[in-house]
């Protein structure tokens, strides 16, 4: 079984946790945030991208850190990351000197891709709704 096929069912569960309980729809901002995550990793590097997305004080319409938490949960559920990590940044920093970081980077991008595909299966909120 291909890795992405294995990750998508897990990603669907994690994406479901992002749904706005008021209208039972996915906040549309998450679609844009997760779409730009991979590009951020390529352009800025894994550590910088994860740091940007895990900033809990960032002024954004939705909480970007929920995406890195979802990615972490996908990797944990698939057994690619130990359950002891409570943030994706802690995992990345602890493995930055490790020769397996490039494999870990690939795993993180694969989990983000699965999450991106999963998010797109949900109904999105309207563009002009305020979900801050």
N, C-alpha and C. Protein backbone atom coordinates (compact mmCIF):
# COMPACT_ATOMS: atom_id res chain seq x y z
N UNK A 1 0.84 -1.18 0.00
CA UNK A 1 0.00 0.00 0.00
C UNK A 1 0.89 1.24 0.00
N UNK A 2 0.56 2.19 -0.84
CA UNK A 2 1.33 3.42 -0.88
C UNK A 2 1.10 4.22 0.39
N UNK A 3 2.13 4.96 0.78
CA UNK A 3 2.06 5.70 2.04
C UNK A 3 0.89 6.68 2.07
N UNK A 4 0.69 7.42 0.99
CA UNK A 4 -0.39 8.41 0.96
C UNK A 4 -1.76 7.74 1.13
N UNK A 5 -1.95 6.59 0.49
CA UNK A 5 -3.21 5.85 0.65
C UNK A 5 -3.42 5.43 2.10
N UNK A 6 -2.34 5.13 2.78
CA UNK A 6 -2.40 4.72 4.18
C UNK A 6 -2.70 5.92 5.10
N UNK A 7 -2.20 7.10 4.72
CA UNK A 7 -2.35 8.28 5.56
C UNK A 7 -3.69 9.00 5.41
N UNK A 8 -4.32 8.89 4.26
CA UNK A 8 -5.55 9.64 4.02
C UNK A 8 -6.66 9.31 5.02
N UNK A 9 -6.94 8.05 5.35
CA UNK A 9 -7.99 7.79 6.35
C UNK A 9 -7.69 8.43 7.71
N UNK A 10 -6.43 8.44 8.10
CA UNK A 10 -6.04 9.09 9.35
C UNK A 10 -6.23 10.60 9.23
N UNK A 11 -5.86 11.14 8.07
CA UNK A 11 -5.99 12.58 7.83
C UNK A 11 -7.46 13.02 7.83
N UNK A 12 -8.34 12.17 7.35
CA UNK A 12 -9.77 12.49 7.38
C UNK A 12 -10.27 12.67 8.82
N UNK A 13 -9.80 11.83 9.70
CA UNK A 13 -10.17 11.95 11.11
C UNK A 13 -9.63 13.26 11.68
N UNK A 14 -8.37 13.56 11.40
CA UNK A 14 -7.76 14.79 11.91
C UNK A 14 -8.42 16.03 11.30
N UNK A 15 -8.75 15.97 10.03
CA UNK A 15 -9.42 17.11 9.38
C UNK A 15 -10.80 17.33 10.00
N UNK A 16 -11.47 16.26 10.34
CA UNK A 16 -12.77 16.37 10.98
C UNK A 16 -12.74 17.14 12.28
N UNK A 17 -11.60 17.12 12.95
CA UNK A 17 -11.45 17.86 14.21
C UNK A 17 -11.37 19.36 13.99
N UNK A 18 -11.14 19.79 12.74
CA UNK A 18 -11.02 21.21 12.41
C UNK A 18 -12.36 21.84 12.04
N UNK A 19 -13.39 21.03 11.92
CA UNK A 19 -14.70 21.53 11.48
C UNK A 19 -15.27 22.50 12.50
N UNK A 20 -15.85 23.57 11.99
CA UNK A 20 -16.52 24.56 12.82
C UNK A 20 -17.83 23.96 13.30
N UNK A 21 -17.96 23.84 14.59
CA UNK A 21 -19.15 23.18 15.17
C UNK A 21 -20.43 23.98 14.97
N UNK A 22 -20.32 25.30 14.74
CA UNK A 22 -21.51 26.13 14.55
C UNK A 22 -22.27 25.78 13.27
N UNK A 23 -21.54 25.58 12.19
CA UNK A 23 -22.22 25.30 10.92
C UNK A 23 -21.81 23.99 10.28
N UNK A 24 -21.02 23.19 11.01
CA UNK A 24 -20.59 21.87 10.55
C UNK A 24 -19.86 21.93 9.20
N UNK A 25 -19.06 22.98 9.03
CA UNK A 25 -18.27 23.15 7.81
C UNK A 25 -16.81 23.42 8.18
N UNK A 26 -15.95 23.18 7.22
CA UNK A 26 -14.52 23.42 7.39
C UNK A 26 -14.26 24.91 7.13
N UNK A 27 -13.60 25.61 8.07
CA UNK A 27 -13.22 26.99 7.79
C UNK A 27 -12.34 27.04 6.54
N UNK A 28 -12.73 27.81 5.58
CA UNK A 28 -12.07 27.85 4.27
C UNK A 28 -10.59 28.23 4.37
N UNK A 29 -10.22 28.95 5.41
CA UNK A 29 -8.82 29.36 5.57
C UNK A 29 -7.88 28.17 5.67
N UNK A 30 -8.35 27.07 6.27
CA UNK A 30 -7.49 25.90 6.41
C UNK A 30 -7.07 25.33 5.06
N UNK A 31 -7.93 25.46 4.08
CA UNK A 31 -7.58 24.98 2.73
C UNK A 31 -6.38 25.75 2.20
N UNK A 32 -6.37 27.05 2.38
CA UNK A 32 -5.25 27.87 1.93
C UNK A 32 -4.00 27.64 2.76
N UNK A 33 -4.18 27.54 4.07
CA UNK A 33 -3.04 27.34 4.95
C UNK A 33 -2.31 26.04 4.64
N UNK A 34 -3.06 24.95 4.50
CA UNK A 34 -2.40 23.66 4.26
C UNK A 34 -1.83 23.60 2.85
N UNK A 35 -2.45 24.30 1.92
CA UNK A 35 -1.92 24.33 0.55
C UNK A 35 -0.57 25.02 0.49
N UNK A 36 -0.37 26.02 1.34
CA UNK A 36 0.90 26.75 1.32
C UNK A 36 1.96 26.14 2.23
N UNK A 37 1.59 25.16 3.04
CA UNK A 37 2.56 24.56 3.97
C UNK A 37 3.74 23.92 3.23
N UNK A 38 3.45 23.10 2.24
CA UNK A 38 4.51 22.41 1.48
C UNK A 38 5.44 23.39 0.80
N UNK A 39 4.86 24.45 0.22
CA UNK A 39 5.69 25.47 -0.43
C UNK A 39 6.56 26.18 0.60
N UNK A 40 6.03 26.40 1.79
CA UNK A 40 6.81 27.03 2.86
C UNK A 40 8.00 26.16 3.26
N UNK A 41 7.77 24.85 3.33
CA UNK A 41 8.85 23.92 3.68
C UNK A 41 9.94 23.98 2.62
N UNK A 42 9.55 23.98 1.36
CA UNK A 42 10.53 24.00 0.26
C UNK A 42 11.27 25.33 0.22
N UNK A 43 10.54 26.43 0.38
CA UNK A 43 11.14 27.75 0.25
C UNK A 43 11.97 28.15 1.48
N UNK A 44 11.43 27.90 2.67
CA UNK A 44 12.08 28.40 3.89
C UNK A 44 12.79 27.33 4.70
N UNK A 45 12.50 26.08 4.42
CA UNK A 45 13.07 24.98 5.21
C UNK A 45 12.04 24.47 6.20
N UNK A 46 12.24 23.25 6.64
CA UNK A 46 11.27 22.59 7.51
C UNK A 46 11.12 23.31 8.85
N UNK A 47 12.23 23.63 9.49
CA UNK A 47 12.15 24.24 10.81
C UNK A 47 11.47 25.61 10.75
N UNK A 48 11.80 26.42 9.77
CA UNK A 48 11.19 27.75 9.65
C UNK A 48 9.70 27.65 9.35
N UNK A 49 9.32 26.74 8.48
CA UNK A 49 7.90 26.58 8.13
C UNK A 49 7.09 26.11 9.33
N UNK A 50 7.61 25.13 10.04
CA UNK A 50 6.89 24.62 11.21
C UNK A 50 6.81 25.70 12.28
N UNK A 51 7.88 26.46 12.49
CA UNK A 51 7.86 27.55 13.47
C UNK A 51 6.79 28.58 13.11
N UNK A 52 6.70 28.92 11.85
CA UNK A 52 5.70 29.89 11.40
C UNK A 52 4.28 29.38 11.66
N UNK A 53 4.04 28.13 11.35
CA UNK A 53 2.69 27.57 11.51
C UNK A 53 2.34 27.28 12.97
N UNK A 54 3.32 27.06 13.80
CA UNK A 54 3.03 26.77 15.21
C UNK A 54 2.95 28.03 16.08
N UNK A 55 3.10 29.20 15.50
CA UNK A 55 3.01 30.45 16.24
C UNK A 55 1.57 30.66 16.72
N UNK A 56 1.35 30.45 18.00
CA UNK A 56 -0.01 30.56 18.56
C UNK A 56 -0.45 32.00 18.76
N UNK A 57 0.45 32.96 18.61
CA UNK A 57 0.07 34.36 18.77
C UNK A 57 -0.07 35.07 17.42
N UNK A 58 0.04 34.34 16.33
CA UNK A 58 -0.05 34.94 15.00
C UNK A 58 -1.44 35.54 14.79
N UNK A 59 -1.48 36.62 14.05
CA UNK A 59 -2.74 37.28 13.73
C UNK A 59 -3.28 36.70 12.43
N UNK A 60 -3.96 35.57 12.53
CA UNK A 60 -4.57 34.95 11.37
C UNK A 60 -6.01 34.59 11.69
N UNK A 61 -6.80 34.44 10.66
CA UNK A 61 -8.24 34.21 10.85
C UNK A 61 -8.52 32.91 11.59
N UNK A 62 -7.77 31.88 11.30
CA UNK A 62 -7.88 30.59 11.99
C UNK A 62 -6.53 30.23 12.59
N UNK A 63 -6.52 29.29 13.49
CA UNK A 63 -5.30 28.87 14.16
C UNK A 63 -4.48 27.93 13.29
N UNK A 64 -3.40 28.43 12.72
CA UNK A 64 -2.53 27.61 11.86
C UNK A 64 -1.89 26.47 12.63
N UNK A 65 -1.65 26.67 13.92
CA UNK A 65 -1.00 25.64 14.73
C UNK A 65 -1.84 24.36 14.77
N UNK A 66 -3.13 24.46 14.54
CA UNK A 66 -3.96 23.25 14.53
C UNK A 66 -3.58 22.33 13.37
N UNK A 67 -3.04 22.91 12.31
CA UNK A 67 -2.60 22.09 11.18
C UNK A 67 -1.33 21.30 11.52
N UNK A 68 -0.38 21.94 12.19
CA UNK A 68 0.83 21.20 12.55
C UNK A 68 0.50 20.15 13.60
N UNK A 69 -0.48 20.43 14.45
CA UNK A 69 -0.91 19.43 15.43
C UNK A 69 -1.56 18.25 14.70
N UNK A 70 -2.36 18.54 13.68
CA UNK A 70 -2.99 17.47 12.90
C UNK A 70 -1.93 16.63 12.17
N UNK A 71 -0.92 17.30 11.61
CA UNK A 71 0.16 16.58 10.93
C UNK A 71 0.88 15.68 11.94
N UNK A 72 1.18 16.21 13.11
CA UNK A 72 1.82 15.42 14.16
C UNK A 72 0.97 14.20 14.52
N UNK A 73 -0.33 14.41 14.69
CA UNK A 73 -1.23 13.32 15.05
C UNK A 73 -1.30 12.25 13.96
N UNK A 74 -1.24 12.67 12.70
CA UNK A 74 -1.23 11.71 11.58
C UNK A 74 0.03 10.86 11.65
N UNK A 75 1.17 11.50 11.86
CA UNK A 75 2.44 10.78 11.94
C UNK A 75 2.48 9.84 13.13
N UNK A 76 1.93 10.28 14.26
CA UNK A 76 1.87 9.41 15.43
C UNK A 76 0.97 8.21 15.18
N UNK A 77 -0.20 8.45 14.61
CA UNK A 77 -1.16 7.36 14.37
C UNK A 77 -0.60 6.32 13.41
N UNK A 78 0.25 6.77 12.49
CA UNK A 78 0.85 5.84 11.53
C UNK A 78 2.14 5.21 12.08
N UNK A 79 2.58 5.63 13.25
CA UNK A 79 3.77 5.06 13.85
C UNK A 79 5.08 5.65 13.35
N UNK A 80 5.02 6.79 12.66
CA UNK A 80 6.25 7.40 12.15
C UNK A 80 6.92 8.31 13.17
N UNK A 81 6.16 8.72 14.20
CA UNK A 81 6.69 9.59 15.26
C UNK A 81 6.25 8.99 16.59
N UNK A 82 7.14 9.05 17.56
CA UNK A 82 6.82 8.54 18.90
C UNK A 82 5.74 9.39 19.55
N UNK A 83 4.92 8.77 20.35
CA UNK A 83 3.83 9.47 21.04
C UNK A 83 4.34 10.51 22.03
N UNK A 84 5.60 10.48 22.38
CA UNK A 84 6.14 11.38 23.40
C UNK A 84 6.21 12.84 22.94
N UNK A 85 6.16 13.08 21.64
CA UNK A 85 6.24 14.45 21.13
C UNK A 85 4.87 15.12 21.23
N UNK A 86 4.87 16.38 21.78
CA UNK A 86 3.61 17.10 21.88
C UNK A 86 3.51 18.25 20.88
N UNK A 87 4.56 18.44 20.09
CA UNK A 87 4.49 19.43 19.01
C UNK A 87 5.40 18.98 17.87
N UNK A 88 5.03 19.38 16.67
CA UNK A 88 5.84 19.04 15.51
C UNK A 88 7.20 19.72 15.58
N UNK A 89 7.23 20.94 16.12
CA UNK A 89 8.49 21.66 16.24
C UNK A 89 9.47 20.92 17.15
N UNK A 90 9.00 20.39 18.26
CA UNK A 90 9.88 19.64 19.16
C UNK A 90 10.46 18.43 18.45
N UNK A 91 9.66 17.78 17.62
CA UNK A 91 10.16 16.65 16.85
C UNK A 91 11.24 17.10 15.86
N UNK A 92 10.96 18.16 15.12
CA UNK A 92 11.91 18.65 14.10
C UNK A 92 13.22 19.08 14.75
N UNK A 93 13.13 19.84 15.82
CA UNK A 93 14.35 20.31 16.49
C UNK A 93 15.16 19.14 17.05
N UNK A 94 14.49 18.15 17.61
CA UNK A 94 15.22 17.02 18.18
C UNK A 94 15.85 16.13 17.12
N UNK A 95 15.40 16.25 15.87
CA UNK A 95 15.95 15.43 14.80
C UNK A 95 16.78 16.22 13.78
N UNK A 96 17.03 17.52 14.03
CA UNK A 96 17.71 18.33 13.02
C UNK A 96 19.16 17.90 12.79
N UNK A 97 19.79 17.31 13.77
CA UNK A 97 21.17 16.84 13.60
C UNK A 97 21.21 15.36 13.24
N UNK A 98 20.05 14.77 13.13
CA UNK A 98 19.93 13.35 12.85
C UNK A 98 20.03 13.11 11.34
N UNK A 99 20.69 12.07 10.94
CA UNK A 99 20.82 11.78 9.51
C UNK A 99 19.48 11.37 8.88
N UNK A 100 18.49 11.05 9.71
CA UNK A 100 17.17 10.67 9.20
C UNK A 100 16.23 11.86 9.03
N UNK A 101 16.74 13.09 9.18
CA UNK A 101 15.86 14.25 9.06
C UNK A 101 15.24 14.34 7.67
N UNK A 102 15.99 13.99 6.62
CA UNK A 102 15.42 14.07 5.28
C UNK A 102 14.26 13.09 5.12
N UNK A 103 14.32 11.92 5.74
CA UNK A 103 13.20 10.99 5.73
C UNK A 103 12.04 11.56 6.53
N UNK A 104 12.35 12.15 7.68
CA UNK A 104 11.31 12.76 8.50
C UNK A 104 10.64 13.91 7.77
N UNK A 105 11.44 14.69 7.04
CA UNK A 105 10.89 15.79 6.23
C UNK A 105 9.92 15.24 5.19
N UNK A 106 10.30 14.17 4.54
CA UNK A 106 9.43 13.53 3.54
C UNK A 106 8.15 13.03 4.20
N UNK A 107 8.26 12.43 5.38
CA UNK A 107 7.08 11.94 6.12
C UNK A 107 6.15 13.10 6.47
N UNK A 108 6.72 14.22 6.91
CA UNK A 108 5.92 15.38 7.27
C UNK A 108 5.20 15.94 6.04
N UNK A 109 5.90 16.02 4.93
CA UNK A 109 5.27 16.50 3.69
C UNK A 109 4.18 15.54 3.23
N UNK A 110 4.41 14.25 3.36
CA UNK A 110 3.38 13.26 2.99
C UNK A 110 2.14 13.40 3.88
N UNK A 111 2.35 13.60 5.18
CA UNK A 111 1.22 13.78 6.09
C UNK A 111 0.47 15.07 5.78
N UNK A 112 1.21 16.13 5.44
CA UNK A 112 0.58 17.40 5.07
C UNK A 112 -0.22 17.24 3.77
N UNK A 113 0.31 16.47 2.83
CA UNK A 113 -0.41 16.22 1.57
C UNK A 113 -1.69 15.44 1.83
N UNK A 114 -1.62 14.44 2.68
CA UNK A 114 -2.82 13.67 3.03
C UNK A 114 -3.85 14.57 3.71
N UNK A 115 -3.39 15.46 4.58
CA UNK A 115 -4.29 16.39 5.26
C UNK A 115 -4.91 17.37 4.26
N UNK A 116 -4.11 17.83 3.31
CA UNK A 116 -4.61 18.73 2.27
C UNK A 116 -5.73 18.06 1.47
N UNK A 117 -5.52 16.82 1.09
CA UNK A 117 -6.55 16.08 0.34
C UNK A 117 -7.79 15.84 1.21
N UNK A 118 -7.58 15.54 2.48
CA UNK A 118 -8.70 15.28 3.38
C UNK A 118 -9.54 16.54 3.60
N UNK A 119 -8.88 17.67 3.80
CA UNK A 119 -9.59 18.93 4.03
C UNK A 119 -10.49 19.26 2.85
N UNK A 120 -10.03 18.96 1.66
CA UNK A 120 -10.81 19.29 0.46
C UNK A 120 -12.08 18.46 0.32
N UNK A 121 -12.25 17.43 1.12
CA UNK A 121 -13.47 16.61 1.02
C UNK A 121 -14.61 17.19 1.85
N UNK A 122 -14.34 18.19 2.68
CA UNK A 122 -15.37 18.78 3.54
C UNK A 122 -15.99 20.01 2.90
N UNK A 123 -17.23 20.29 3.25
CA UNK A 123 -17.87 21.53 2.83
C UNK A 123 -17.16 22.67 3.52
N UNK A 124 -16.93 23.75 2.76
CA UNK A 124 -16.20 24.90 3.28
C UNK A 124 -17.18 26.00 3.69
N UNK A 125 -16.74 26.81 4.66
CA UNK A 125 -17.53 27.97 5.05
C UNK A 125 -17.49 28.98 3.90
N UNK A 126 -18.43 29.88 3.94
CA UNK A 126 -18.48 30.94 2.92
C UNK A 126 -17.32 31.90 3.12
N UNK A 127 -16.93 32.57 2.04
CA UNK A 127 -15.78 33.47 2.09
C UNK A 127 -15.97 34.64 3.05
N UNK A 128 -17.18 35.15 3.17
CA UNK A 128 -17.38 36.36 3.95
C UNK A 128 -17.77 36.08 5.40
N UNK A 129 -17.79 34.83 5.84
CA UNK A 129 -18.11 34.54 7.23
C UNK A 129 -16.91 34.83 8.11
N UNK A 130 -17.17 35.30 9.30
CA UNK A 130 -16.11 35.58 10.25
C UNK A 130 -16.04 34.47 11.27
N UNK A 131 -14.91 33.76 11.32
CA UNK A 131 -14.73 32.64 12.25
C UNK A 131 -13.56 32.87 13.18
N UNK A 132 -13.25 34.11 13.46
CA UNK A 132 -12.10 34.42 14.30
C UNK A 132 -12.30 34.03 15.74
